[in-house]
Amino acid sequence: MSEETPLTLFFTRQGKRGKWKVLLTTDTGLNFVQAVEKYQIRWSIEVFFKDAKQLLNLGGCQSGNFDAQIADTTVTMIAYILLAFRYRFDHYEFSRQ
């Protein structure tokens, strides 16, 4: 048995010759701008977890102690924040002129 789920599809492209992209959402009350804003937030979270797992070994703690797991995750997140701040400082927000 399958249920019918209402969907909203937004089609967009940049410029006249850009590739078409589709954004699909099950929240039918969203307009295009709201859907893109939510997608941007979600994408930044996905990038964080990808980088933290690949570069900082998030989830690599093999301790059976719950407190050690929490400490490892916390240290990894602090390291990510510091590295992201340094990257932004060097490349974007405070660049020297």
PDB file of N, CA and C in Angstrom:
ATOM      1  N   MET A   1       0.844  -1.168   0.000  1.00  0.00           N
ATOM      2  CA  MET A   1       0.000   0.000   0.000  1.00  0.00           C
ATOM      3  C   MET A   1       0.897   1.241   0.000  1.00  0.00           C
ATOM      4  N   SER A   2       0.622   2.180  -0.874  1.00  0.00           N
ATOM      5  CA  SER A   2       1.413   3.403  -0.926  1.00  0.00           C
ATOM      6  C   SER A   2       0.527   4.594  -0.582  1.00  0.00           C
ATOM      7  N   GLU A   3       1.157   5.539   0.096  1.00  0.00           N
ATOM      8  CA  GLU A   3       0.442   6.754   0.450  1.00  0.00           C
ATOM      9  C   GLU A   3       0.791   7.839  -0.549  1.00  0.00           C
ATOM     10  N   GLU A   4      -0.141   8.716  -0.790  1.00  0.00           N
ATOM     11  CA  GLU A   4       0.130   9.855  -1.654  1.00  0.00           C
ATOM     12  C   GLU A   4       0.599  11.007  -0.787  1.00  0.00           C
ATOM     13  N   THR A   5       1.765  11.543  -1.117  1.00  0.00           N
ATOM     14  CA  THR A   5       2.324  12.664  -0.389  1.00  0.00           C
ATOM     15  C   THR A   5       2.351  13.867  -1.314  1.00  0.00           C
ATOM     16  N   PRO A   6       1.707  14.956  -0.900  1.00  0.00           N
ATOM     17  CA  PRO A   6       1.736  16.146  -1.756  1.00  0.00           C
ATOM     18  C   PRO A   6       3.140  16.733  -1.810  1.00  0.00           C
ATOM     19  N   LEU A   7       3.541  17.156  -2.993  1.00  0.00           N
ATOM     20  CA  LEU A   7       4.864  17.714  -3.221  1.00  0.00           C
ATOM     21  C   LEU A   7       4.747  19.064  -3.915  1.00  0.00           C
ATOM     22  N   THR A   8       5.768  19.863  -3.728  1.00  0.00           N
ATOM     23  CA  THR A   8       5.914  21.086  -4.504  1.00  0.00           C
ATOM     24  C   THR A   8       7.272  21.025  -5.180  1.00  0.00           C
ATOM     25  N   LEU A   9       7.289  21.304  -6.473  1.00  0.00           N
ATOM     26  CA  LEU A   9       8.521  21.323  -7.239  1.00  0.00           C
ATOM     27  C   LEU A   9       8.800  22.754  -7.674  1.00  0.00           C
ATOM     28  N   PHE A  10      10.044  23.204  -7.474  1.00  0.00           N
ATOM     29  CA  PHE A  10      10.473  24.508  -7.948  1.00  0.00           C
ATOM     30  C   PHE A  10      11.571  24.275  -8.984  1.00  0.00           C
ATOM     31  N   PHE A  11      11.403  24.826 -10.171  1.00  0.00           N
ATOM     32  CA  PHE A  11      12.396  24.725 -11.228  1.00  0.00           C
ATOM     33  C   PHE A  11      13.082  26.071 -11.376  1.00  0.00           C
ATOM     34  N   THR A  12      14.408  26.022 -11.498  1.00  0.00           N
ATOM     35  CA  THR A  12      15.157  27.265 -11.612  1.00  0.00           C
ATOM     36  C   THR A  12      16.429  27.036 -12.410  1.00  0.00           C
ATOM     37  N   ARG A  13      16.980  28.102 -12.947  1.00  0.00           N
ATOM     38  CA  ARG A  13      18.280  28.067 -13.589  1.00  0.00           C
ATOM     39  C   ARG A  13      18.885  29.459 -13.556  1.00  0.00           C
ATOM     40  N   GLN A  14      20.195  29.511 -13.626  1.00  0.00           N
ATOM     41  CA  GLN A  14      20.888  30.788 -13.638  1.00  0.00           C
ATOM     42  C   GLN A  14      21.185  31.161 -15.080  1.00  0.00           C
ATOM     43  N   GLY A  15      20.743  32.331 -15.488  1.00  0.00           N
ATOM     44  CA  GLY A  15      20.983  32.792 -16.846  1.00  0.00           C
ATOM     45  C   GLY A  15      20.139  32.054 -17.862  1.00  0.00           C
ATOM     46  N   LYS A  16      20.320  32.434 -19.120  1.00  0.00           N
ATOM     47  CA  LYS A  16      19.529  31.828 -20.183  1.00  0.00           C
ATOM     48  C   LYS A  16      20.022  30.436 -20.564  1.00  0.00           C
ATOM     49  N   ARG A  17      21.317  30.173 -20.342  1.00  0.00           N
ATOM     50  CA  ARG A  17      21.884  28.901 -20.777  1.00  0.00           C
ATOM     51  C   ARG A  17      22.265  27.994 -19.613  1.00  0.00           C
ATOM     52  N   GLY A  18      21.918  28.382 -18.405  1.00  0.00           N
ATOM     53  CA  GLY A  18      22.259  27.559 -17.251  1.00  0.00           C
ATOM     54  C   GLY A  18      21.461  26.263 -17.223  1.00  0.00           C
ATOM     55  N   LYS A  19      21.989  25.287 -16.522  1.00  0.00           N
ATOM     56  CA  LYS A  19      21.287  24.015 -16.385  1.00  0.00           C
ATOM     57  C   LYS A  19      20.097  24.189 -15.451  1.00  0.00           C
ATOM     58  N   TRP A  20      19.010  23.519 -15.767  1.00  0.00           N
ATOM     59  CA  TRP A  20      17.838  23.535 -14.912  1.00  0.00           C
ATOM     60  C   TRP A  20      18.112  22.729 -13.654  1.00  0.00           C
ATOM     61  N   LYS A  21      17.647  23.236 -12.545  1.00  0.00           N
ATOM     62  CA  LYS A  21      17.734  22.523 -11.268  1.00  0.00           C
ATOM     63  C   LYS A  21      16.336  22.473 -10.682  1.00  0.00           C
ATOM     64  N   VAL A  22      16.084  21.423  -9.928  1.00  0.00           N
ATOM     65  CA  VAL A  22      14.775  21.268  -9.311  1.00  0.00           C
ATOM     66  C   VAL A  22      14.947  21.149  -7.807  1.00  0.00           C
ATOM     67  N   LEU A  23      14.080  21.803  -7.081  1.00  0.00           N
ATOM     68  CA  LEU A  23      14.036  21.716  -5.626  1.00  0.00           C
ATOM     69  C   LEU A  23      12.680  21.127  -5.269  1.00  0.00           C
ATOM     70  N   LEU A  24      12.695  19.992  -4.593  1.00  0.00           N
ATOM     71  CA  LEU A  24      11.481  19.276  -4.236  1.00  0.00           C
ATOM     72  C   LEU A  24      11.247  19.419  -2.740  1.00  0.00           C
ATOM     73  N   THR A  25      10.024  19.712  -2.347  1.00  0.00           N
ATOM     74  CA  THR A  25       9.698  19.809  -0.931  1.00  0.00           C
ATOM     75  C   THR A  25       8.326  19.198  -0.657  1.00  0.00           C
ATOM     76  N   THR A  26       8.194  18.638   0.526  1.00  0.00           N
ATOM     77  CA  THR A  26       6.891  18.113   0.945  1.00  0.00           C
ATOM     78  C   THR A  26       6.125  19.155   1.755  1.00  0.00           C
ATOM     79  N   ASP A  27       6.776  20.262   2.086  1.00  0.00           N
ATOM     80  CA  ASP A  27       6.104  21.363   2.780  1.00  0.00           C
ATOM     81  C   ASP A  27       5.484  22.265   1.721  1.00  0.00           C
ATOM     82  N   THR A  28       4.235  22.003   1.393  1.00  0.00           N
ATOM     83  CA  THR A  28       3.579  22.696   0.289  1.00  0.00           C
ATOM     84  C   THR A  28       3.239  24.145   0.609  1.00  0.00           C
ATOM     85  N   GLY A  29       3.425  24.563   1.847  1.00  0.00           N
ATOM     86  CA  GLY A  29       3.132  25.940   2.215  1.00  0.00           C
ATOM     87  C   GLY A  29       4.287  26.899   1.960  1.00  0.00           C
ATOM     88  N   LEU A  30       5.432  26.371   1.553  1.00  0.00           N
ATOM     89  CA  LEU A  30       6.606  27.219   1.325  1.00  0.00           C
ATOM     90  C   LEU A  30       6.568  27.846  -0.061  1.00  0.00           C
ATOM     91  N   ASN A  31       7.010  29.101  -0.135  1.00  0.00           N
ATOM     92  CA  ASN A  31       7.239  29.681  -1.448  1.00  0.00           C
ATOM     93  C   ASN A  31       8.684  29.392  -1.841  1.00  0.00           C
ATOM     94  N   PHE A  32       9.089  29.823  -3.032  1.00  0.00           N
ATOM     95  CA  PHE A  32      10.423  29.492  -3.542  1.00  0.00           C
ATOM     96  C   PHE A  32      11.526  30.022  -2.633  1.00  0.00           C
ATOM     97  N   VAL A  33      11.434  31.263  -2.211  1.00  0.00           N
ATOM     98  CA  VAL A  33      12.486  31.867  -1.380  1.00  0.00           C
ATOM     99  C   VAL A  33      12.610  31.130  -0.052  1.00  0.00           C
ATOM    100  N   GLN A  34      11.515  30.801   0.583  1.00  0.00           N
ATOM    101  CA  GLN A  34      11.548  30.072   1.850  1.00  0.00           C
ATOM    102  C   GLN A  34      12.174  28.687   1.679  1.00  0.00           C
ATOM    103  N   ALA A  35      11.843  28.007   0.584  1.00  0.00           N
ATOM    104  CA  ALA A  35      12.398  26.676   0.329  1.00  0.00           C
ATOM    105  C   ALA A  35      13.911  26.760   0.116  1.00  0.00           C
ATOM    106  N   VAL A  36      14.372  27.754  -0.623  1.00  0.00           N
ATOM    107  CA  VAL A  36      15.806  27.916  -0.864  1.00  0.00           C
ATOM    108  C   VAL A  36      16.529  28.252   0.440  1.00  0.00           C
ATOM    109  N   GLU A  37      15.943  29.093   1.277  1.00  0.00           N
ATOM    110  CA  GLU A  37      16.567  29.437   2.562  1.00  0.00           C
ATOM    111  C   GLU A  37      16.722  28.189   3.436  1.00  0.00           C
ATOM    112  N   LYS A  38      15.697  27.367   3.504  1.00  0.00           N
ATOM    113  CA  LYS A  38      15.791  26.132   4.289  1.00  0.00           C
ATOM    114  C   LYS A  38      16.830  25.187   3.704  1.00  0.00           C
ATOM    115  N   TYR A  39      16.888  25.103   2.379  1.00  0.00           N
ATOM    116  CA  TYR A  39      17.868  24.248   1.722  1.00  0.00           C
ATOM    117  C   TYR A  39      19.288  24.730   2.023  1.00  0.00           C
ATOM    118  N   GLN A  40      19.510  26.038   2.006  1.00  0.00           N
ATOM    119  CA  GLN A  40      20.840  26.583   2.298  1.00  0.00           C
ATOM    120  C   GLN A  40      21.282  26.226   3.713  1.00  0.00           C
ATOM    121  N   ILE A  41      20.383  26.336   4.668  1.00  0.00           N
ATOM    122  CA  ILE A  41      20.709  25.982   6.048  1.00  0.00           C
ATOM    123  C   ILE A  41      21.035  24.495   6.141  1.00  0.00           C
ATOM    124  N   ARG A  42      20.214  23.677   5.519  1.00  0.00           N
ATOM    125  CA  ARG A  42      20.431  22.234   5.570  1.00  0.00           C
ATOM    126  C   ARG A  42      21.748  21.853   4.887  1.00  0.00           C
ATOM    127  N   TRP A  43      22.069  22.520   3.786  1.00  0.00           N
ATOM    128  CA  TRP A  43      23.301  22.215   3.077  1.00  0.00           C
ATOM    129  C   TRP A  43      24.523  22.533   3.935  1.00  0.00           C
ATOM    130  N   SER A  44      24.490  23.635   4.676  1.00  0.00           N
ATOM    131  CA  SER A  44      25.632  23.971   5.534  1.00  0.00           C
ATOM    132  C   SER A  44      25.816  22.917   6.625  1.00  0.00           C
ATOM    133  N   ILE A  45      24.727  22.348   7.119  1.00  0.00           N
ATOM    134  CA  ILE A  45      24.817  21.280   8.113  1.00  0.00           C
ATOM    135  C   ILE A  45      25.440  20.031   7.489  1.00  0.00           C
ATOM    136  N   GLU A  46      25.024  19.699   6.271  1.00  0.00           N
ATOM    137  CA  GLU A  46      25.586  18.535   5.581  1.00  0.00           C
ATOM    138  C   GLU A  46      27.088  18.708   5.351  1.00  0.00           C
ATOM    139  N   VAL A  47      27.513  19.902   4.952  1.00  0.00           N
ATOM    140  CA  VAL A  47      28.933  20.166   4.721  1.00  0.00           C
ATOM    141  C   VAL A  47      29.705  20.041   6.028  1.00  0.00           C
ATOM    142  N   PHE A  48      29.131  20.553   7.119  1.00  0.00           N
ATOM    143  CA  PHE A  48      29.797  20.430   8.416  1.00  0.00           C
ATOM    144  C   PHE A  48      30.059  18.962   8.750  1.00  0.00           C
ATOM    145  N   PHE A  49      29.036  18.120   8.658  1.00  0.00           N
ATOM    146  CA  PHE A  49      29.205  16.719   9.036  1.00  0.00           C
ATOM    147  C   PHE A  49      30.172  15.995   8.098  1.00  0.00           C
ATOM    148  N   LYS A  50      30.123  16.301   6.814  1.00  0.00           N
ATOM    149  CA  LYS A  50      31.056  15.681   5.874  1.00  0.00           C
ATOM    150  C   LYS A  50      32.493  16.051   6.227  1.00  0.00           C
ATOM    151  N   ASP A  51      32.747  17.344   6.423  1.00  0.00           N
ATOM    152  CA  ASP A  51      34.098  17.796   6.763  1.00  0.00           C
ATOM    153  C   ASP A  51      34.550  17.246   8.112  1.00  0.00           C
ATOM    154  N   ALA A  52      33.664  17.283   9.090  1.00  0.00           N
ATOM    155  CA  ALA A  52      34.027  16.820  10.431  1.00  0.00           C
ATOM    156  C   ALA A  52      34.346  15.322  10.434  1.00  0.00           C
ATOM    157  N   LYS A  53      33.613  14.546   9.661  1.00  0.00           N
ATOM    158  CA  LYS A  53      33.883  13.103   9.597  1.00  0.00           C
ATOM    159  C   LYS A  53      35.167  12.810   8.837  1.00  0.00           C
ATOM    160  N   GLN A  54      35.355  13.454   7.693  1.00  0.00           N
ATOM    161  CA  GLN A  54      36.514  13.149   6.855  1.00  0.00           C
ATOM    162  C   GLN A  54      37.801  13.759   7.382  1.00  0.00           C
ATOM    163  N   LEU A  55      37.742  14.996   7.844  1.00  0.00           N
ATOM    164  CA  LEU A  55      38.965  15.712   8.190  1.00  0.00           C
ATOM    165  C   LEU A  55      39.287  15.681   9.684  1.00  0.00           C
ATOM    166  N   LEU A  56      38.267  15.599  10.519  1.00  0.00           N
ATOM    167  CA  LEU A  56      38.489  15.677  11.965  1.00  0.00           C
ATOM    168  C   LEU A  56      38.104  14.389  12.694  1.00  0.00           C
ATOM    169  N   ASN A  57      37.764  13.354  11.951  1.00  0.00           N
ATOM    170  CA  ASN A  57      37.462  12.039  12.514  1.00  0.00           C
ATOM    171  C   ASN A  57      36.270  12.042  13.479  1.00  0.00           C
ATOM    172  N   LEU A  58      35.261  12.835  13.174  1.00  0.00           N
ATOM    173  CA  LEU A  58      34.042  12.819  13.984  1.00  0.00           C
ATOM    174  C   LEU A  58      33.437  11.423  13.926  1.00  0.00           C
ATOM    175  N   GLY A  59      33.117  10.869  15.066  1.00  0.00           N
ATOM    176  CA  GLY A  59      32.546   9.534  15.147  1.00  0.00           C
ATOM    177  C   GLY A  59      33.593   8.446  15.222  1.00  0.00           C
ATOM    178  N   GLY A  60      34.855   8.828  15.294  1.00  0.00           N
ATOM    179  CA  GLY A  60      35.927   7.848  15.323  1.00  0.00           C
ATOM    180  C   GLY A  60      36.322   7.396  16.716  1.00  0.00           C
ATOM    181  N   CYS A  61      35.732   7.982  17.733  1.00  0.00           N
ATOM    182  CA  CYS A  61      36.053   7.593  19.109  1.00  0.00           C
ATOM    183  C   CYS A  61      35.529   6.174  19.358  1.00  0.00           C
ATOM    184  N   GLN A  62      36.394   5.300  19.819  1.00  0.00           N
ATOM    185  CA  GLN A  62      36.004   3.912  20.025  1.00  0.00           C
ATOM    186  C   GLN A  62      35.766   3.579  21.489  1.00  0.00           C
ATOM    187  N   SER A  63      35.710   4.591  22.325  1.00  0.00           N
ATOM    188  CA  SER A  63      35.471   4.357  23.744  1.00  0.00           C
ATOM    189  C   SER A  63      34.035   3.898  23.968  1.00  0.00           C
ATOM    190  N   GLY A  64      33.848   3.050  24.931  1.00  0.00           N
ATOM    191  CA  GLY A  64      32.515   2.620  25.313  1.00  0.00           C
ATOM    192  C   GLY A  64      31.888   3.530  26.359  1.00  0.00           C
ATOM    193  N   ASN A  65      32.648   4.501  26.816  1.00  0.00           N
ATOM    194  CA  ASN A  65      32.187   5.436  27.832  1.00  0.00           C
ATOM    195  C   ASN A  65      31.423   6.582  27.174  1.00  0.00           C
ATOM    196  N   PHE A  66      30.187   6.796  27.602  1.00  0.00           N
ATOM    197  CA  PHE A  66      29.346   7.838  27.017  1.00  0.00           C
ATOM    198  C   PHE A  66      29.971   9.226  27.189  1.00  0.00           C
ATOM    199  N   ASP A  67      30.536   9.503  28.347  1.00  0.00           N
ATOM    200  CA  ASP A  67      31.150  10.809  28.586  1.00  0.00           C
ATOM    201  C   ASP A  67      32.326  11.041  27.638  1.00  0.00           C
ATOM    202  N   ALA A  68      33.088  10.004  27.356  1.00  0.00           N
ATOM    203  CA  ALA A  68      34.203  10.126  26.411  1.00  0.00           C
ATOM    204  C   ALA A  68      33.692  10.409  24.999  1.00  0.00           C
ATOM    205  N   GLN A  69      32.588   9.790  24.631  1.00  0.00           N
ATOM    206  CA  GLN A  69      31.982  10.050  23.322  1.00  0.00           C
ATOM    207  C   GLN A  69      31.547  11.510  23.203  1.00  0.00           C
ATOM    208  N   ILE A  70      30.902  12.012  24.251  1.00  0.00           N
ATOM    209  CA  ILE A  70      30.455  13.409  24.250  1.00  0.00           C
ATOM    210  C   ILE A  70      31.655  14.351  24.199  1.00  0.00           C
ATOM    211  N   ALA A  71      32.690  14.056  24.971  1.00  0.00           N
ATOM    212  CA  ALA A  71      33.892  14.887  24.972  1.00  0.00           C
ATOM    213  C   ALA A  71      34.547  14.896  23.597  1.00  0.00           C
ATOM    214  N   ASP A  72      34.647  13.750  22.946  1.00  0.00           N
ATOM    215  CA  ASP A  72      35.250  13.670  21.629  1.00  0.00           C
ATOM    216  C   ASP A  72      34.452  14.485  20.612  1.00  0.00           C
ATOM    217  N   THR A  73      33.140  14.363  20.643  1.00  0.00           N
ATOM    218  CA  THR A  73      32.288  15.127  19.731  1.00  0.00           C
ATOM    219  C   THR A  73      32.428  16.621  19.985  1.00  0.00           C
ATOM    220  N   THR A  74      32.464  17.013  21.254  1.00  0.00           N
ATOM    221  CA  THR A  74      32.594  18.429  21.608  1.00  0.00           C
ATOM    222  C   THR A  74      33.921  18.999  21.134  1.00  0.00           C
ATOM    223  N   VAL A  75      34.997  18.279  21.356  1.00  0.00           N
ATOM    224  CA  VAL A  75      36.318  18.746  20.922  1.00  0.00           C
ATOM    225  C   VAL A  75      36.370  18.847  19.402  1.00  0.00           C
ATOM    226  N   THR A  76      35.775  17.893  18.712  1.00  0.00           N
ATOM    227  CA  THR A  76      35.738  17.942  17.249  1.00  0.00           C
ATOM    228  C   THR A  76      34.980  19.174  16.771  1.00  0.00           C
ATOM    229  N   MET A  77      33.847  19.480  17.390  1.00  0.00           N
ATOM    230  CA  MET A  77      33.065  20.647  16.986  1.00  0.00           C
ATOM    231  C   MET A  77      33.803  21.947  17.284  1.00  0.00           C
ATOM    232  N   ILE A  78      34.485  22.009  18.406  1.00  0.00           N
ATOM    233  CA  ILE A  78      35.280  23.208  18.722  1.00  0.00           C
ATOM    234  C   ILE A  78      36.399  23.368  17.703  1.00  0.00           C
ATOM    235  N   ALA A  79      37.063  22.278  17.351  1.00  0.00           N
ATOM    236  CA  ALA A  79      38.127  22.343  16.351  1.00  0.00           C
ATOM    237  C   ALA A  79      37.581  22.830  15.011  1.00  0.00           C
ATOM    238  N   TYR A  80      36.397  22.359  14.629  1.00  0.00           N
ATOM    239  CA  TYR A  80      35.798  22.791  13.370  1.00  0.00           C
ATOM    240  C   TYR A  80      35.498  24.282  13.400  1.00  0.00           C
ATOM    241  N   ILE A  81      34.937  24.754  14.495  1.00  0.00           N
ATOM    242  CA  ILE A  81      34.611  26.173  14.621  1.00  0.00           C
ATOM    243  C   ILE A  81      35.877  27.026  14.498  1.00  0.00           C
ATOM    244  N   LEU A  82      36.939  26.618  15.180  1.00  0.00           N
ATOM    245  CA  LEU A  82      38.190  27.374  15.127  1.00  0.00           C
ATOM    246  C   LEU A  82      38.792  27.365  13.720  1.00  0.00           C
ATOM    247  N   LEU A  83      38.771  26.216  13.074  1.00  0.00           N
ATOM    248  CA  LEU A  83      39.303  26.137  11.713  1.00  0.00           C
ATOM    249  C   LEU A  83      38.463  26.943  10.723  1.00  0.00           C
ATOM    250  N   ALA A  84      37.151  26.901  10.873  1.00  0.00           N
ATOM    251  CA  ALA A  84      36.274  27.675   9.993  1.00  0.00           C
ATOM    252  C   ALA A  84      36.483  29.172  10.202  1.00  0.00           C
ATOM    253  N   PHE A  85      36.650  29.583  11.459  1.00  0.00           N
ATOM    254  CA  PHE A  85      36.914  30.991  11.747  1.00  0.00           C
ATOM    255  C   PHE A  85      38.231  31.421  11.113  1.00  0.00           C
ATOM    256  N   ARG A  86      39.254  30.604  11.260  1.00  0.00           N
ATOM    257  CA  ARG A  86      40.563  30.928  10.672  1.00  0.00           C
ATOM    258  C   ARG A  86      40.465  31.027   9.156  1.00  0.00           C
ATOM    259  N   TYR A  87      39.757  30.102   8.538  1.00  0.00           N
ATOM    260  CA  TYR A  87      39.601  30.116   7.088  1.00  0.00           C
ATOM    261  C   TYR A  87      38.897  31.394   6.638  1.00  0.00           C
ATOM    262  N   ARG A  88      37.819  31.752   7.324  1.00  0.00           N
ATOM    263  CA  ARG A  88      37.096  32.977   6.973  1.00  0.00           C
ATOM    264  C   ARG A  88      37.950  34.211   7.201  1.00  0.00           C
ATOM    265  N   PHE A  89      38.693  34.203   8.271  1.00  0.00           N
ATOM    266  CA  PHE A  89      39.572  35.333   8.575  1.00  0.00           C
ATOM    267  C   PHE A  89      40.602  35.511   7.465  1.00  0.00           C
ATOM    268  N   ASP A  90      41.178  34.405   7.008  1.00  0.00           N
ATOM    269  CA  ASP A  90      42.214  34.469   5.980  1.00  0.00           C
ATOM    270  C   ASP A  90      41.674  34.736   4.575  1.00  0.00           C
ATOM    271  N   HIS A  91      40.442  34.311   4.277  1.00  0.00           N
ATOM    272  CA  HIS A  91      39.964  34.359   2.901  1.00  0.00           C
ATOM    273  C   HIS A  91      38.827  35.342   2.622  1.00  0.00           C
ATOM    274  N   TYR A  92      38.015  35.671   3.597  1.00  0.00           N
ATOM    275  CA  TYR A  92      36.827  36.440   3.274  1.00  0.00           C
ATOM    276  C   TYR A  92      36.685  37.734   4.054  1.00  0.00           C
ATOM    277  N   GLU A  93      36.280  37.581   5.280  1.00  0.00           N
ATOM    278  CA  GLU A  93      35.720  38.695   6.012  1.00  0.00           C
ATOM    279  C   GLU A  93      36.724  39.766   6.392  1.00  0.00           C
ATOM    280  N   PHE A  94      37.924  39.392   6.724  1.00  0.00           N
ATOM    281  CA  PHE A  94      38.887  40.366   7.227  1.00  0.00           C
ATOM    282  C   PHE A  94      40.115  40.448   6.339  1.00  0.00           C
ATOM    283  N   SER A  95      39.933  40.240   5.058  1.00  0.00           N
ATOM    284  CA  SER A  95      41.101  40.203   4.177  1.00  0.00           C
ATOM    285  C   SER A  95      41.770  41.571   4.136  1.00  0.00           C
ATOM    286  N   ARG A  96      43.072  41.525   4.055  1.00  0.00           N
ATOM    287  CA  ARG A  96      43.857  42.763   4.017  1.00  0.00           C
ATOM    288  C   ARG A  96      43.780  43.364   2.630  1.00  0.00           C
ATOM    289  N   GLN A  97      43.840  44.674   2.569  1.00  0.00           N
ATOM    290  CA  GLN A  97      43.730  45.345   1.281  1.00  0.00           C
ATOM    291  C   GLN A  97      45.018  45.897   0.798  1.00  0.00           C
TER     292      GLN A  97
END
